[in-house]
Amino acid sequence: TTPRRDGDMATQVSSFCNRVCWAACCGATFFVFLVVAVLTPWYVLGSTSDSLTFVVQFYWKVWDSRETDDAHGHKHNQAEWRDWDELGSDKPKTFYMAAVSLTVVASACALLFTVLIVAGLWVHSTSQRIGHALCGSTKWLVFAIGLFAFLLNVVGWAVFIGFPSGLRESKLCHTELAPSDRYWCASFSGSDSEHLQQDNNNDNVDYVWGPSAAWSFAVMAGAPAVISLILVAVVPPATDISLDADDYQAM
């Protein structure tokens, strides 16, 4: 008699399930990273000196935080949300809104991508229905949606690299502390220091500027997205799940 190969089939099914499970997990991670990118600031700049410390973060509005020292050595803090219009130029807001809008759409597609992996490729009962409704093209539809989300995300954070060119037209780049050809007015990220002399006082100023958490998460989101796309591409089509044991053995 021919020995049964139930163990071999169980191994194949287990391997298939593992690939789909990992694809779903990576897709969910992709989505979570994009949500964090939408909900956190995209850019931060600031300077620290003996008399003034200020930090500006760019979010749905502009967060302006300043700390000054008076003649008696007392510190005074001032922090408030400012409208983008107060920057004196629409260009910074244009770059920000373009990047965030693309990320929002990418996150919606990433959510759909993850849900379809679970419902269309993982859960047996729903995958059969979806597979029949889509004429067996579930796998490639899922892949296309995931690829679209990935490309939108890449375009979003790539567009934001031009943010300093928008700042160059704003009030933040036409001051004594930040001329239009230096610091955040000229490069996407960096740090610098300068020695200033004002009113017979020497002042050491340290500058720092660059992308914040949101942009970093948007970039990092590409890693789980690529892994999930690769796993989706290598799993059997959804229609193969409905094969009986003898047909699966023959594959």
Protein backbone atom coordinates (compact mmCIF):
# COMPACT_ATOMS: atom_id res chain seq x y z
CA THR A 1 0.00 0.00 0.00
CA THR A 2 1.03 3.57 -0.65
CA PRO A 3 1.81 5.40 2.59
CA ARG A 4 -0.32 8.42 3.33
CA ARG A 5 1.33 11.79 3.00
CA ASP A 6 -0.95 13.73 5.29
CA GLY A 7 2.08 15.09 7.07
CA ASP A 8 3.52 16.47 3.83
CA MET A 9 0.26 18.21 3.00
CA ALA A 10 0.02 19.64 6.51
CA THR A 11 3.52 21.02 6.06
CA GLN A 12 2.57 22.65 2.76
CA VAL A 13 -0.60 24.16 4.18
CA SER A 14 1.28 25.35 7.25
CA SER A 15 3.94 26.96 5.04
CA PHE A 16 1.23 28.65 2.98
CA CYS A 17 -0.52 29.96 6.08
CA ASN A 18 2.76 31.23 7.52
CA ARG A 19 3.52 33.25 4.41
CA VAL A 20 0.07 34.82 4.36
CA CYS A 21 0.17 35.53 8.09
CA TRP A 22 3.51 37.29 7.75
CA ALA A 23 2.19 39.25 4.77
CA ALA A 24 -0.78 40.40 6.86
CA CYS A 25 1.46 41.35 9.79
CA CYS A 26 3.78 43.36 7.55
CA GLY A 27 0.81 45.01 5.87
CA ALA A 28 -0.58 45.99 9.28
CA THR A 29 2.82 47.40 10.27
CA PHE A 30 2.89 49.38 7.03
CA PHE A 31 -0.51 50.86 7.89
CA VAL A 32 0.45 51.70 11.50
CA PHE A 33 3.63 53.47 10.38
CA LEU A 34 1.63 55.60 7.94
CA VAL A 35 -0.91 56.49 10.63
CA VAL A 36 1.93 57.64 12.90
CA ALA A 37 3.27 59.71 9.98
CA VAL A 38 -0.09 61.44 9.58
CA LEU A 39 -0.51 62.15 13.31
CA THR A 40 2.96 63.52 14.17
CA PRO A 41 5.02 66.58 13.12
CA TRP A 42 6.98 66.34 9.87
CA TYR A 43 9.73 68.89 10.40
CA VAL A 44 11.44 70.66 13.26
CA LEU A 45 13.96 73.49 13.43
CA GLY A 46 15.41 75.56 16.20
CA SER A 47 18.34 77.31 17.78
CA THR A 48 19.81 77.55 21.25
CA SER A 49 21.82 80.49 22.55
CA ASP A 50 22.67 82.11 25.87
CA SER A 51 19.68 84.44 25.62
CA LEU A 52 17.12 82.71 23.38
CA THR A 53 15.97 79.19 22.65
CA PHE A 54 13.30 78.60 20.05
CA VAL A 55 11.82 75.50 18.45
CA VAL A 56 9.39 75.40 15.54
CA GLN A 57 7.54 72.20 14.61
CA PHE A 58 5.44 71.82 11.48
CA TYR A 59 2.20 69.95 11.89
CA TRP A 60 -1.39 70.69 10.84
CA LYS A 61 -0.45 74.04 12.31
CA VAL A 62 2.92 75.52 13.26
CA TRP A 63 4.06 75.03 16.87
CA ASP A 64 6.25 77.93 18.01
CA SER A 65 8.03 77.58 21.35
CA ARG A 66 10.44 80.22 22.72
CA GLU A 67 12.40 80.62 25.93
CA THR A 68 14.14 83.93 26.71
CA ASP A 69 16.28 85.24 29.58
CA ASP A 70 15.76 88.74 30.92
CA ALA A 71 18.40 91.01 32.39
CA HIS A 72 17.87 89.48 35.84
CA GLY A 73 18.43 85.92 34.64
CA HIS A 74 14.77 84.95 34.78
CA LYS A 75 13.44 82.64 32.09
CA HIS A 76 10.26 83.41 30.20
CA ASN A 77 8.49 80.73 28.16
CA GLN A 78 6.11 81.35 25.31
CA ALA A 79 4.51 78.58 23.24
CA GLU A 80 1.58 78.75 20.86
CA TRP A 81 0.05 77.31 17.73
CA ARG A 82 0.36 79.56 14.70
CA ASP A 83 -1.44 79.46 11.39
CA TRP A 84 0.59 78.64 8.31
CA ASP A 85 -0.40 82.04 6.88
CA GLU A 86 1.74 83.75 9.52
CA LEU A 87 4.87 82.41 7.80
CA GLY A 88 4.37 84.96 5.04
CA SER A 89 4.36 82.40 2.22
CA ASP A 90 2.09 79.60 1.05
CA LYS A 91 4.95 77.39 -0.16
CA PRO A 92 5.77 75.62 3.15
CA LYS A 93 2.11 74.69 3.60
CA THR A 94 1.93 73.48 -0.02
CA PHE A 95 4.81 71.05 0.51
CA TYR A 96 3.39 69.85 3.82
CA MET A 97 -0.17 69.36 2.58
CA ALA A 98 1.01 67.54 -0.54
CA ALA A 99 3.09 65.09 1.51
CA VAL A 100 0.42 64.51 4.17
CA SER A 101 -2.40 64.14 1.63
CA LEU A 102 -0.48 61.46 -0.23
CA THR A 103 0.28 59.73 3.06
CA VAL A 104 -3.38 59.78 4.09
CA VAL A 105 -4.42 58.15 0.81
CA ALA A 106 -1.55 55.67 1.13
CA SER A 107 -2.67 54.73 4.66
CA ALA A 108 -6.23 54.10 3.44
CA CYS A 109 -4.89 51.87 0.67
CA ALA A 110 -2.58 50.11 3.15
CA LEU A 111 -5.56 49.35 5.37
CA LEU A 112 -7.51 47.94 2.41
CA PHE A 113 -4.41 45.98 1.40
CA THR A 114 -4.15 44.38 4.85
CA VAL A 115 -7.86 43.61 5.10
CA LEU A 116 -7.83 41.93 1.67
CA ILE A 117 -4.82 39.82 2.62
CA VAL A 118 -6.73 38.52 5.61
CA ALA A 119 -10.13 38.13 3.94
CA GLY A 120 -8.99 37.22 0.44
CA LEU A 121 -5.89 35.10 1.02
CA TRP A 122 -5.95 33.87 4.60
CA VAL A 123 -9.46 33.15 5.93
CA HIS A 124 -10.68 30.06 4.06
CA SER A 125 -14.40 30.85 3.97
CA THR A 126 -14.09 34.42 2.72
CA SER A 127 -11.15 33.77 0.40
CA GLN A 128 -13.17 31.28 -1.63
CA ARG A 129 -16.06 33.70 -2.05
CA ILE A 130 -13.83 36.62 -2.96
CA GLY A 131 -11.78 34.43 -5.29
CA HIS A 132 -14.85 33.29 -7.20
CA ALA A 133 -16.25 36.84 -7.34
CA LEU A 134 -12.98 38.15 -8.79
CA CYS A 135 -12.47 35.18 -11.14
CA GLY A 136 -9.41 34.02 -9.23
CA SER A 137 -7.56 37.35 -9.48
CA THR A 138 -7.65 38.16 -5.75
CA LYS A 139 -3.92 37.76 -5.28
CA TRP A 140 -2.99 40.24 -8.00
CA LEU A 141 -5.68 42.71 -6.99
CA VAL A 142 -4.27 42.67 -3.45
CA PHE A 143 -0.75 43.06 -4.83
CA ALA A 144 -1.80 46.02 -7.02
CA ILE A 145 -3.44 47.83 -4.10
CA GLY A 146 -0.38 47.28 -1.91
CA LEU A 147 1.95 48.48 -4.65
CA PHE A 148 -0.19 51.58 -5.18
CA ALA A 149 -0.05 52.36 -1.44
CA PHE A 150 3.73 51.87 -1.43
CA LEU A 151 4.25 54.21 -4.42
CA LEU A 152 1.99 56.89 -2.93
CA ASN A 153 3.98 56.74 0.29
CA VAL A 154 7.32 57.06 -1.52
CA VAL A 155 6.11 60.02 -3.57
CA GLY A 156 4.79 61.66 -0.38
CA TRP A 157 8.03 61.62 1.60
CA ALA A 158 10.09 62.35 -1.53
CA VAL A 159 8.05 65.48 -2.24
CA PHE A 160 8.64 66.70 1.30
CA ILE A 161 12.40 66.77 0.75
CA GLY A 162 11.77 70.04 -1.09
CA PHE A 163 10.37 71.64 2.10
CA PRO A 164 13.41 73.93 2.62
CA SER A 165 12.75 75.57 -0.75
CA GLY A 166 9.34 76.50 0.65
CA LEU A 167 10.84 77.79 3.90
CA ARG A 168 13.22 79.94 1.87
CA GLU A 169 10.25 82.11 0.87
CA SER A 170 8.97 82.46 4.45
CA LYS A 171 9.75 84.78 7.34
CA LEU A 172 11.85 82.03 8.95
CA CYS A 173 14.54 82.58 6.33
CA HIS A 174 14.83 86.35 6.23
CA THR A 175 16.14 87.18 9.68
CA GLU A 176 19.51 87.97 11.16
CA LEU A 177 19.65 84.52 12.74
CA ALA A 178 18.67 82.65 9.58
CA PRO A 179 19.57 84.26 6.25
CA SER A 180 17.99 82.79 3.15
CA ASP A 181 21.11 80.91 2.06
CA ARG A 182 21.91 79.03 5.28
CA TYR A 183 20.58 76.46 7.73
CA TRP A 184 17.01 75.22 7.11
CA CYS A 185 16.71 77.68 4.25
CA ALA A 186 19.35 75.85 2.23
CA SER A 187 19.34 72.15 3.22
CA PHE A 188 16.88 69.50 4.35
CA SER A 189 18.68 68.59 7.56
CA GLY A 190 21.81 69.50 9.46
CA SER A 191 23.30 71.37 12.39
CA ASP A 192 25.62 74.32 12.77
CA SER A 193 26.93 76.80 15.32
CA GLU A 194 27.85 80.44 15.16
CA HIS A 195 29.42 83.07 17.38
CA LEU A 196 27.44 86.33 17.39
CA GLN A 197 28.21 89.65 19.01
CA GLN A 198 25.23 91.85 19.84
CA ASP A 199 25.19 94.92 22.11
CA ASN A 200 28.71 94.14 23.31
CA ASN A 201 27.59 90.66 24.34
CA ASN A 202 29.05 87.48 22.93
CA ASP A 203 26.45 84.87 22.12
CA ASN A 204 27.06 81.32 20.97
CA VAL A 205 24.19 80.01 18.86
CA ASP A 206 23.64 76.35 17.99
CA TYR A 207 21.29 75.50 15.15
CA VAL A 208 19.61 72.20 14.34
CA TRP A 209 17.00 71.35 11.73
CA GLY A 210 15.63 68.34 9.91
CA PRO A 211 12.72 65.95 9.39
CA SER A 212 10.81 64.86 12.47
CA ALA A 213 9.12 61.61 13.47
CA ALA A 214 6.45 61.65 10.77
CA TRP A 215 8.85 61.76 7.83
CA SER A 216 11.02 59.07 9.42
CA PHE A 217 8.05 56.75 9.90
CA ALA A 218 6.91 57.39 6.33
CA VAL A 219 10.33 56.32 5.05
CA MET A 220 10.52 53.29 7.36
CA ALA A 221 7.04 52.19 6.27
CA GLY A 222 8.55 51.13 2.95
CA ALA A 223 10.33 48.15 4.53
CA PRO A 224 7.27 46.22 5.79
CA ALA A 225 5.43 47.23 2.62
CA VAL A 226 8.06 45.63 0.38
CA ILE A 227 8.21 42.48 2.51
CA SER A 228 4.43 42.16 2.43
CA LEU A 229 4.33 42.65 -1.36
CA ILE A 230 6.96 39.96 -1.88
CA LEU A 231 5.07 37.51 0.34
CA VAL A 232 1.81 38.21 -1.46
CA ALA A 233 3.52 37.67 -4.80
CA VAL A 234 4.83 34.22 -3.85
CA VAL A 235 1.72 32.73 -2.23
CA PRO A 236 -0.50 30.47 -4.36
CA PRO A 237 -3.54 32.17 -5.90
CA ALA A 238 -6.67 32.15 -3.76
CA THR A 239 -8.38 29.64 -6.06
CA ASP A 240 -5.74 27.02 -5.16
CA ILE A 241 -7.03 26.91 -1.58
CA SER A 242 -10.16 25.10 -2.69
CA LEU A 243 -8.23 22.13 -4.16
CA ASP A 244 -8.80 18.81 -2.48
CA ALA A 245 -5.99 16.83 -0.88
CA ASP A 246 -5.15 14.70 -3.94
CA ASP A 247 -4.94 17.75 -6.22
CA TYR A 248 -2.81 19.64 -3.71
CA GLN A 249 -0.42 16.66 -3.49
CA ALA A 250 0.00 16.78 -7.24
CA MET A 251 1.17 20.41 -7.25
